[in-house]
Amino acid sequence: MTLRARLAVVVAGAVAAAVVVTVGVAWLATHHRLRADIDDALASRAEGVAELATVTEYVQRTSPARGTTRPRPQREVPGIRVALLQDLSVQLVGVDGRVTTLAGAELPVRPVDLAAATEGEGSFVRNARVDGDHFRVATQAVEGGGAVQIGRDVTGTDRTLRSLAFVLTTTAAIGVLAATLIGLLVAKRALRPIDRLSEAAERVARDQDLTAPLPARATPDEVGRLTTSFNTMLAALAASRAQQQRLVTDASHELRTPLTSLRTTIELLRRADRSPDEALPAEQRDELYDHALDELSELTHLSSELVELATDARSAAGVRTTVDLGDVAGAVAARARRRTGQVIEVSTDASTVLGDAAALERAVTNLVDNACKWNPVGTAIEVTVHAGTVAVRDHGPGVPPDERERVFERFARGRDAQSVPGSGLGLAIVGQVAADHGGRAWIEAPADGGPGTVATLALSPDSQAS
């Protein structure tokens, strides 16, 4: 069953339940009110007749012995006027059980009626059948013995109640049908934006087109939020695809140069090995081998950085732990000294953050490696750690102001960087790690106006451990 059908069924079911309950309550209330009015009127008439002195005298006369057959008395009792009771059936029950019908039909006398007449106390109203008709009969005991019975034919009232039940049932059926139709219309209108979302999702899956978002709804309802979320998802997917395509394009471009160089070197060595006339001196062969190893090292470094950037940050993020940035900077500086021979000075304070230790170490390593590429030999590289910030200063030629933002893009390299080994991904990784930790990375000129560059990694204050 579709969502539209389920919604229509729920609406129709709720309305049907409400209509059925309303109709039932209305019919029961009407039935009770009519029956109560009839019963009250009968009881009041019976009580009034029972208080007449002539009735009291008549029903308390001594009767023949039980079992003796006596002709039924006349329908008139001296002193009792029944003109006002012509629409009712009236009869008297003596203390001996003798019944005198004064007006209307002969009402059935049951044991409870005889008991009331014998004991001279009690009053009640009950149902009775007289010649197939439905009667309500009120029995009122006469003080000292005997009873008065007054009945009323309620067949007409029953017909009225049945007619009312038919009208109410028909109305309820029409209401349920109307509710079903309205439910279908409401479901269709309410789910129309969902249909558009479904069509858009199918279109995206079919055409792979992420550039046609749905028009945003003006009302901030659930469907509007869902539409906004869908558009946000499309934008994120489009940005991810664009970044992926750019990464593939840039990677293929960057890989082409070392691969071409490697191919050329290997072909030269192979030709020299096969042709004695083209044999190379040992010094030149060693130079070619060193060149090939350098290109392989560059390819290895480039591959690892590509994997670092291509991996989704949310799926590759490590466990966030408390990291001492001073310890990280010290360890990175020690490795860089051994590898490059550069002088690296580290100044730290008690700066701890909550983050991915491996990612933060990689980012600080890239900052120091970048400084080592440009810093003149014999001049100290300065690493400063303070309040969740790592700043690395070199004394090289510096970065022009118009290139300071671009160097954090993938494969972006400055105008003077072509002669320096590197993939152009190191600072891009620094920027990504900063963003993953709610911070940012930037490059600026030294505050003292001297030569060089200050590259800074600043983490979000929320990531700083207390």
Protein backbone atom coordinates (compact mmCIF):
# COMPACT_ATOMS: atom_id res chain seq x y z
CA MET A 1 0.00 0.00 0.00
CA THR A 2 1.34 3.40 -0.96
CA LEU A 3 1.92 6.19 1.54
CA ARG A 4 -0.92 8.17 -0.09
CA ALA A 5 -3.33 5.26 0.38
CA ARG A 6 -2.21 4.71 3.98
CA LEU A 7 -2.68 8.39 4.78
CA ALA A 8 -6.16 8.35 3.20
CA VAL A 9 -7.09 5.23 5.16
CA VAL A 10 -5.88 6.81 8.40
CA VAL A 11 -7.88 10.00 7.75
CA ALA A 12 -11.00 8.06 6.73
CA GLY A 13 -10.65 5.71 9.70
CA ALA A 14 -10.30 8.57 12.16
CA VAL A 15 -13.30 10.39 10.71
CA ALA A 16 -15.31 7.16 10.58
CA ALA A 17 -14.57 6.42 14.21
CA ALA A 18 -15.54 9.96 15.21
CA VAL A 19 -18.75 9.80 13.13
CA VAL A 20 -19.74 6.38 14.47
CA VAL A 21 -19.17 7.46 18.06
CA THR A 22 -21.08 10.71 17.48
CA VAL A 23 -23.99 8.92 15.79
CA GLY A 24 -24.13 6.26 18.49
CA VAL A 25 -24.06 8.79 21.30
CA ALA A 26 -26.73 10.93 19.56
CA TRP A 27 -29.04 7.94 19.06
CA LEU A 28 -28.59 6.65 22.61
CA ALA A 29 -29.12 10.11 24.07
CA THR A 30 -32.31 10.61 22.02
CA HIS A 31 -33.57 7.14 22.92
CA HIS A 32 -32.89 7.69 26.60
CA ARG A 33 -34.50 11.14 26.58
CA LEU A 34 -37.70 9.97 24.84
CA ARG A 35 -38.00 6.89 27.02
CA ALA A 36 -37.40 8.91 30.18
CA ASP A 37 -40.06 11.46 29.22
CA ILE A 38 -42.60 8.67 28.56
CA ASP A 39 -41.72 6.84 31.77
CA ASP A 40 -41.92 10.00 33.86
CA ALA A 41 -45.33 10.87 32.39
CA LEU A 42 -46.70 7.35 32.98
CA ALA A 43 -45.36 7.19 36.53
CA SER A 44 -46.84 10.60 37.30
CA ARG A 45 -50.26 9.59 35.91
CA ALA A 46 -50.21 6.29 37.79
CA GLU A 47 -49.32 8.02 41.02
CA GLY A 48 -52.13 10.54 40.55
CA VAL A 49 -54.72 7.82 39.91
CA ALA A 50 -53.49 5.75 42.84
CA GLU A 51 -54.16 8.68 45.18
CA LEU A 52 -57.84 8.88 44.27
CA ALA A 53 -60.07 7.80 47.17
CA THR A 54 -62.50 5.97 44.89
CA VAL A 55 -59.64 3.86 43.49
CA THR A 56 -58.40 3.06 46.94
CA GLU A 57 -61.83 1.95 48.06
CA TYR A 58 -62.42 -0.13 44.94
CA VAL A 59 -59.14 -2.09 44.88
CA GLN A 60 -59.34 -2.83 48.60
CA ARG A 61 -62.82 -4.44 48.61
CA THR A 62 -62.98 -7.96 49.80
CA SER A 63 -62.65 -10.30 46.84
CA PRO A 64 -63.98 -13.83 46.41
CA ALA A 65 -61.81 -16.69 47.50
CA ARG A 66 -58.94 -17.44 45.25
CA GLY A 67 -59.79 -19.89 42.52
CA THR A 68 -63.44 -18.82 42.35
CA THR A 69 -64.53 -17.84 38.87
CA ARG A 70 -66.09 -14.40 38.71
CA PRO A 71 -67.14 -12.48 35.61
CA ARG A 72 -64.77 -9.68 34.74
CA PRO A 73 -66.15 -6.41 36.10
CA GLN A 74 -67.36 -3.57 33.92
CA ARG A 75 -64.91 -1.09 32.45
CA GLU A 76 -66.44 1.67 34.52
CA VAL A 77 -65.94 2.32 38.20
CA PRO A 78 -68.24 4.80 39.88
CA GLY A 79 -66.39 7.99 40.80
CA ILE A 80 -63.43 7.40 38.46
CA ARG A 81 -63.25 9.61 35.37
CA VAL A 82 -60.89 8.42 32.64
CA ALA A 83 -61.69 11.06 30.06
CA LEU A 84 -58.29 12.64 30.63
CA LEU A 85 -56.60 9.28 30.13
CA GLN A 86 -58.14 8.33 26.81
CA ASP A 87 -54.76 8.09 25.09
CA LEU A 88 -53.59 5.59 27.70
CA SER A 89 -54.50 2.10 28.84
CA VAL A 90 -55.62 2.08 32.47
CA GLN A 91 -56.46 -0.85 34.70
CA LEU A 92 -56.74 -1.58 38.41
CA VAL A 93 -55.38 -4.63 40.20
CA GLY A 94 -57.16 -5.56 43.43
CA VAL A 95 -55.55 -7.01 46.51
CA ASP A 96 -56.97 -10.36 45.46
CA GLY A 97 -55.50 -10.06 41.95
CA ARG A 98 -58.77 -9.08 40.29
CA VAL A 99 -58.12 -6.85 37.26
CA THR A 100 -60.43 -4.08 36.12
CA THR A 101 -59.65 -2.40 32.81
CA LEU A 102 -60.84 1.19 32.75
CA ALA A 103 -59.49 2.41 29.41
CA GLY A 104 -57.52 1.20 26.41
CA ALA A 105 -56.07 -2.25 25.98
CA GLU A 106 -55.89 -4.97 28.58
CA LEU A 107 -52.42 -4.86 30.05
CA PRO A 108 -50.65 -8.08 31.04
CA VAL A 109 -50.30 -8.59 34.77
CA ARG A 110 -47.06 -10.16 35.86
CA PRO A 111 -46.04 -11.57 39.25
CA VAL A 112 -44.24 -8.34 40.10
CA ASP A 113 -47.48 -6.42 39.55
CA LEU A 114 -49.44 -8.84 41.79
CA ALA A 115 -46.75 -8.57 44.44
CA ALA A 116 -47.03 -4.77 44.42
CA ALA A 117 -50.84 -5.00 44.68
CA THR A 118 -50.70 -7.55 47.50
CA GLU A 119 -48.08 -5.72 49.53
CA GLY A 120 -49.43 -2.26 48.79
CA GLU A 121 -46.03 -0.75 48.02
CA GLY A 122 -43.69 -0.29 45.08
CA SER A 123 -43.68 1.47 41.73
CA PHE A 124 -41.83 0.68 38.48
CA VAL A 125 -42.05 1.00 34.71
CA ARG A 126 -41.49 -1.94 32.38
CA ASN A 127 -41.90 -3.11 28.79
CA ALA A 128 -44.88 -5.18 27.71
CA ARG A 129 -46.34 -6.68 24.54
CA VAL A 130 -50.07 -6.18 23.91
CA ASP A 131 -51.42 -7.77 20.75
CA GLY A 132 -47.94 -7.51 19.21
CA ASP A 133 -47.55 -3.82 20.04
CA HIS A 134 -44.82 -2.42 22.25
CA PHE A 135 -46.09 -0.80 25.45
CA ARG A 136 -44.46 0.91 28.38
CA VAL A 137 -46.40 0.07 31.56
CA ALA A 138 -46.16 1.96 34.86
CA THR A 139 -47.33 0.10 37.97
CA GLN A 140 -48.08 2.10 41.13
CA ALA A 141 -49.06 0.36 44.36
CA VAL A 142 -52.04 1.80 46.27
CA GLU A 143 -51.49 2.44 49.94
CA GLY A 144 -53.23 -0.31 51.88
CA GLY A 145 -53.34 -2.75 48.94
CA GLY A 146 -54.04 -2.87 45.25
CA ALA A 147 -52.26 -1.27 42.33
CA VAL A 148 -52.83 1.02 39.36
CA GLN A 149 -51.39 0.18 35.92
CA ILE A 150 -51.14 2.74 33.16
CA GLY A 151 -49.68 1.77 29.79
CA ARG A 152 -48.83 3.60 26.61
CA ASP A 153 -48.27 2.27 23.15
CA VAL A 154 -44.74 3.34 22.15
CA THR A 155 -44.72 1.69 18.72
CA GLY A 156 -44.77 5.12 17.08
CA THR A 157 -41.84 6.21 19.20
CA ASP A 158 -39.94 3.08 18.17
CA ARG A 159 -40.61 3.90 14.53
CA THR A 160 -39.32 7.40 15.11
CA LEU A 161 -36.16 6.01 16.71
CA ARG A 162 -35.67 3.57 13.83
CA SER A 163 -36.10 6.40 11.34
CA LEU A 164 -33.60 8.46 13.29
CA ALA A 165 -31.18 5.54 13.31
CA PHE A 166 -31.54 5.18 9.53
CA VAL A 167 -30.95 8.88 8.98
CA LEU A 168 -27.95 8.90 11.31
CA THR A 169 -26.49 5.76 9.73
CA THR A 170 -26.95 7.17 6.23
CA THR A 171 -25.39 10.43 7.32
CA ALA A 172 -22.49 8.56 8.90
CA ALA A 173 -21.93 6.52 5.72
CA ILE A 174 -21.95 9.67 3.61
CA GLY A 175 -19.59 11.33 6.07
CA VAL A 176 -17.16 8.40 5.95
CA LEU A 177 -17.27 8.39 2.14
CA ALA A 178 -16.71 12.13 2.05
CA ALA A 179 -13.88 11.77 4.56
CA THR A 180 -12.27 9.11 2.37
CA LEU A 181 -12.42 11.36 -0.68
CA ILE A 182 -11.16 14.34 1.29
CA GLY A 183 -8.41 12.14 2.73
CA LEU A 184 -7.31 11.16 -0.76
CA LEU A 185 -7.29 14.79 -1.87
CA VAL A 186 -5.42 15.93 1.24
CA ALA A 187 -2.92 13.08 0.90
CA LYS A 188 -2.35 13.90 -2.76
CA ARG A 189 -1.81 17.58 -2.00
CA ALA A 190 0.31 16.95 1.10
CA LEU A 191 2.49 14.37 -0.63
CA ARG A 192 2.98 16.34 -3.84
CA PRO A 193 6.34 17.73 -2.62
CA ILE A 194 7.34 14.18 -1.67
CA ASP A 195 6.50 13.10 -5.23
CA ARG A 196 8.72 15.89 -6.53
CA LEU A 197 11.51 14.74 -4.25
CA SER A 198 11.10 11.18 -5.51
CA GLU A 199 11.15 12.34 -9.11
CA ALA A 200 14.24 14.45 -8.43
CA ALA A 201 16.01 11.53 -6.77
CA GLU A 202 15.14 9.28 -9.70
CA ARG A 203 16.32 11.95 -12.12
CA VAL A 204 19.62 12.32 -10.27
CA ALA A 205 20.09 8.56 -10.26
CA ARG A 206 19.23 8.35 -13.96
CA ASP A 207 20.99 11.43 -15.37
CA GLN A 208 23.69 11.92 -12.71
CA ASP A 209 22.75 15.62 -12.78
CA LEU A 210 23.44 17.30 -9.45
CA THR A 211 22.98 20.89 -10.62
CA ALA A 212 19.16 21.18 -10.65
CA PRO A 213 17.94 21.60 -7.05
CA LEU A 214 14.28 21.71 -6.11
CA PRO A 215 12.66 25.11 -5.48
CA ALA A 216 12.67 25.79 -1.75
CA ARG A 217 9.30 25.98 0.03
CA ALA A 218 8.39 29.23 1.76
CA THR A 219 6.80 27.49 4.75
CA PRO A 220 9.17 26.00 7.34
CA ASP A 221 7.26 22.74 7.64
CA GLU A 222 8.58 19.18 7.56
CA VAL A 223 8.39 18.97 3.77
CA GLY A 224 10.14 22.32 3.45
CA ARG A 225 12.96 21.15 5.70
CA LEU A 226 13.17 17.91 3.74
CA THR A 227 13.41 19.87 0.49
CA THR A 228 16.14 22.08 1.94
CA SER A 229 18.01 19.01 3.20
CA PHE A 230 17.70 17.39 -0.23
CA ASN A 231 19.07 20.51 -1.92
CA THR A 232 21.90 20.65 0.62
CA MET A 233 22.69 17.02 -0.10
CA LEU A 234 22.72 17.69 -3.86
CA ALA A 235 25.04 20.66 -3.35
CA ALA A 236 27.37 18.56 -1.20
CA LEU A 237 27.37 15.77 -3.76
CA ALA A 238 28.05 18.23 -6.57
CA ALA A 239 30.92 19.80 -4.63
CA SER A 240 32.31 16.36 -3.80
CA ARG A 241 32.14 15.30 -7.45
CA ALA A 242 33.82 18.53 -8.57
CA GLN A 243 36.59 18.04 -6.01
CA GLN A 244 36.99 14.44 -7.05
CA GLN A 245 37.24 15.35 -10.73
CA ARG A 246 39.70 18.11 -9.94
CA LEU A 247 41.75 15.76 -7.79
CA VAL A 248 41.88 13.16 -10.56
CA THR A 249 42.80 15.77 -13.16
CA ASP A 250 45.48 17.40 -11.02
CA ALA A 251 46.83 14.02 -9.89
CA SER A 252 47.15 12.79 -13.46
CA HIS A 253 48.96 16.00 -14.36
CA GLU A 254 51.35 15.77 -11.40
CA LEU A 255 52.02 12.06 -11.95
CA ARG A 256 52.79 12.53 -15.63
CA THR A 257 56.09 14.36 -15.03
CA PRO A 258 57.81 11.87 -12.65
CA LEU A 259 56.49 8.92 -14.65
CA THR A 260 57.81 10.39 -17.90
CA SER A 261 61.15 11.11 -16.27
CA LEU A 262 61.32 7.58 -14.89
CA ARG A 263 60.46 6.09 -18.27
CA THR A 264 63.16 8.15 -19.97
CA THR A 265 65.77 7.17 -17.39
CA ILE A 266 64.90 3.46 -17.59
CA GLU A 267 65.02 3.53 -21.40
CA LEU A 268 68.46 5.19 -21.34
CA LEU A 269 69.78 2.57 -18.93
CA ARG A 270 68.25 -0.25 -20.94
CA ARG A 271 69.70 1.04 -24.24
CA ALA A 272 73.12 1.45 -22.62
CA ASP A 273 73.00 -2.14 -21.35
CA ARG A 274 72.04 -3.57 -24.76
CA SER A 275 74.41 -1.57 -27.02
CA PRO A 276 78.13 -1.48 -26.26
CA ASP A 277 78.40 1.61 -28.44
CA GLU A 278 76.06 3.50 -26.12
CA ALA A 279 77.60 2.33 -22.86
CA LEU A 280 77.58 4.95 -20.14
CA PRO A 281 80.36 5.84 -17.77
CA ALA A 282 79.88 4.54 -14.22
CA GLU A 283 79.50 8.08 -12.90
CA GLN A 284 76.69 8.85 -15.37
CA ARG A 285 74.98 5.52 -14.65
CA ASP A 286 75.06 6.24 -10.92
CA GLU A 287 73.60 9.66 -11.61
CA LEU A 288 70.75 8.10 -13.61
CA TYR A 289 70.09 5.55 -10.86
CA ASP A 290 70.01 8.31 -8.23
CA HIS A 291 67.65 10.29 -10.43
CA ALA A 292 65.35 7.27 -10.79
CA LEU A 293 65.36 6.70 -7.04
CA ASP A 294 64.54 10.37 -6.45
CA GLU A 295 61.62 10.15 -8.87
CA LEU A 296 60.39 6.96 -7.16
CA SER A 297 60.63 8.66 -3.77
CA GLU A 298 58.69 11.61 -5.15
CA LEU A 299 56.04 9.25 -6.54
CA THR A 300 55.77 7.47 -3.20
CA HIS A 301 55.37 10.77 -1.36
CA LEU A 302 52.84 12.00 -3.90
CA SER A 303 50.81 8.78 -3.67
CA SER A 304 50.61 8.90 0.10
CA GLU A 305 49.48 12.53 0.01
CA LEU A 306 46.88 11.74 -2.64
CA VAL A 307 45.50 8.97 -0.45
CA GLU A 308 45.46 11.38 2.49
CA LEU A 309 43.42 13.93 0.54
CA ALA A 310 41.16 11.49 -1.29
CA THR A 311 40.06 9.68 1.88
CA ASP A 312 36.82 11.03 3.30
CA ALA A 313 37.67 12.93 6.47
CA ARG A 314 34.70 11.60 8.45
CA SER A 315 35.44 7.95 7.65
CA ALA A 316 39.21 8.23 8.10
CA ALA A 317 39.22 10.38 11.22
CA GLY A 318 40.94 8.76 14.14
CA VAL A 319 39.78 8.70 17.71
CA ARG A 320 39.88 12.14 19.31
CA THR A 321 42.23 12.12 22.27
CA THR A 322 44.08 14.70 24.34
CA VAL A 323 47.14 15.76 22.33
CA ASP A 324 50.05 17.84 23.65
CA LEU A 325 51.02 20.07 20.72
CA GLY A 326 54.36 20.82 22.35
CA ASP A 327 55.31 17.14 22.38
CA VAL A 328 54.16 16.79 18.75
CA ALA A 329 56.20 19.80 17.64
CA GLY A 330 59.26 18.54 19.52
CA ALA A 331 59.11 15.09 17.95
CA VAL A 332 58.59 16.51 14.44
CA ALA A 333 61.50 18.96 14.87
CA ALA A 334 63.81 16.18 16.05
CA ARG A 335 63.09 14.07 12.97
CA ALA A 336 63.50 17.05 10.64
CA ARG A 337 66.93 17.88 12.20
CA ARG A 338 68.18 14.33 11.61
CA ARG A 339 66.86 14.20 8.05
CA THR A 340 67.83 17.67 6.78
CA GLY A 341 70.51 18.94 9.14
CA GLN A 342 68.57 22.18 9.58
CA VAL A 343 68.62 24.13 12.83
CA ILE A 344 65.10 24.02 14.29
CA GLU A 345 64.20 25.84 17.50
CA VAL A 346 61.00 24.91 19.34
CA SER A 347 59.24 27.17 21.84
CA THR A 348 56.20 25.64 23.53
CA ASP A 349 53.81 26.14 26.41
CA ALA A 350 51.35 23.76 28.05
CA SER A 351 49.04 23.59 25.04
CA THR A 352 46.81 20.52 24.81
CA VAL A 353 43.92 19.92 22.43
CA LEU A 354 41.34 17.24 21.72
CA GLY A 355 42.02 15.85 18.25
CA ASP A 356 43.34 13.16 15.98
CA ALA A 357 46.97 12.73 17.07
CA ALA A 358 48.15 11.19 13.77
CA ALA A 359 46.49 13.89 11.64
CA LEU A 360 47.87 16.71 13.79
CA GLU A 361 51.39 15.24 13.63
CA ARG A 362 51.11 14.98 9.85
CA ALA A 363 50.02 18.62 9.60
CA VAL A 364 52.90 19.88 11.80
CA THR A 365 55.33 17.69 9.81
CA ASN A 366 54.16 19.27 6.56
CA LEU A 367 54.61 22.76 8.01
CA VAL A 368 58.17 21.99 9.11
CA ASP A 369 59.05 20.21 5.84
CA ASN A 370 57.79 23.21 3.87
CA ALA A 371 59.97 25.50 5.97
CA CYS A 372 63.00 23.23 5.47
CA LYS A 373 62.64 23.52 1.68
CA TRP A 374 62.97 27.30 1.73
CA ASN A 375 65.05 28.09 4.79
CA PRO A 376 68.73 28.94 4.11
CA VAL A 377 71.22 26.50 5.64
CA GLY A 378 72.59 27.77 8.91
CA THR A 379 69.54 29.89 9.76
CA ALA A 380 67.21 28.58 12.47
CA ILE A 381 63.64 27.59 11.74
CA GLU A 382 61.41 28.78 14.59
CA VAL A 383 58.50 26.61 15.77
CA THR A 384 56.18 28.27 18.31
CA VAL A 385 53.34 26.46 20.10
CA HIS A 386 50.87 28.55 22.08
CA ALA A 387 47.18 28.18 23.04
CA GLY A 388 46.26 25.58 20.42
CA THR A 389 48.32 27.25 17.68
CA VAL A 390 51.46 26.03 15.90
CA ALA A 391 53.43 28.68 13.99
CA VAL A 392 56.49 27.78 11.86
CA ARG A 393 58.79 30.54 10.57
CA ASP A 394 61.49 30.17 7.97
CA HIS A 395 63.92 32.80 6.66
CA GLY A 396 63.49 32.07 2.98
CA PRO A 397 62.28 34.32 0.16
CA GLY A 398 58.70 34.39 1.46
CA VAL A 399 55.38 34.05 -0.31
CA PRO A 400 53.87 36.96 -2.25
CA PRO A 401 50.59 38.25 -0.72
CA ASP A 402 48.56 37.27 -3.79
CA GLU A 403 49.63 33.61 -3.43
CA ARG A 404 49.21 33.14 0.33
CA GLU A 405 45.69 31.72 0.07
CA ARG A 406 46.27 29.75 -3.12
CA VAL A 407 49.15 27.69 -1.65
CA PHE A 408 46.62 25.80 0.50
CA GLU A 409 44.85 24.51 -2.61
CA ARG A 410 45.66 21.06 -3.98
CA PHE A 411 48.69 20.97 -6.28
CA ALA A 412 49.05 24.73 -6.02
CA ARG A 413 52.68 25.89 -6.05
CA GLY A 414 54.18 29.34 -6.05
CA ARG A 415 55.96 30.93 -8.96
CA ASP A 416 59.36 30.23 -7.42
CA ALA A 417 58.53 26.66 -6.31
CA GLN A 418 59.06 24.85 -9.60
CA SER A 419 62.71 24.15 -8.83
CA VAL A 420 61.95 22.84 -5.35
CA PRO A 421 60.86 19.19 -4.87
CA GLY A 422 57.30 18.76 -3.77
CA SER A 423 53.84 17.78 -4.89
CA GLY A 424 51.93 20.88 -3.92
CA LEU A 425 49.80 18.83 -1.50
CA GLY A 426 51.57 19.40 1.83
CA LEU A 427 49.90 22.68 2.75
CA ALA A 428 46.58 21.44 1.33
CA ILE A 429 46.70 18.63 3.90
CA VAL A 430 47.47 21.20 6.62
CA GLY A 431 44.39 23.18 5.61
CA GLN A 432 42.23 20.04 5.61
CA VAL A 433 43.42 18.95 9.07
CA ALA A 434 42.72 22.46 10.39
CA ALA A 435 39.20 22.39 8.95
CA ASP A 436 38.56 18.91 10.39
CA HIS A 437 39.40 20.29 13.85
CA GLY A 438 37.25 23.40 13.46
CA GLY A 439 40.24 25.70 12.89
CA ARG A 440 42.11 27.21 9.95
CA ALA A 441 45.58 27.60 8.47
CA TRP A 442 47.21 30.66 6.91
CA ILE A 443 50.50 32.20 5.80
CA GLU A 444 51.70 35.70 6.66
CA ALA A 445 54.85 37.78 6.70
CA PRO A 446 56.92 37.85 9.92
CA ALA A 447 55.85 40.49 12.40
CA ASP A 448 59.42 41.82 12.73
CA GLY A 449 59.56 42.68 9.03
CA GLY A 450 62.41 40.26 8.40
CA PRO A 451 62.71 37.76 5.58
CA GLY A 452 60.78 34.53 5.43
CA THR A 453 57.27 33.30 6.03
CA VAL A 454 55.17 32.32 9.06
CA ALA A 455 52.83 29.39 8.39
CA THR A 456 50.26 28.92 11.16
CA LEU A 457 47.94 26.07 12.11
CA ALA A 458 45.25 27.27 14.56
CA LEU A 459 42.73 24.87 16.06
CA SER A 460 39.25 25.76 17.24
CA PRO A 461 38.95 26.89 20.87
CA ASP A 462 36.35 24.12 21.32
CA SER A 463 39.05 21.52 20.61
CA GLN A 464 41.40 22.86 23.29
CA ALA A 465 41.52 20.63 26.34
CA SER A 466 40.90 22.25 29.69
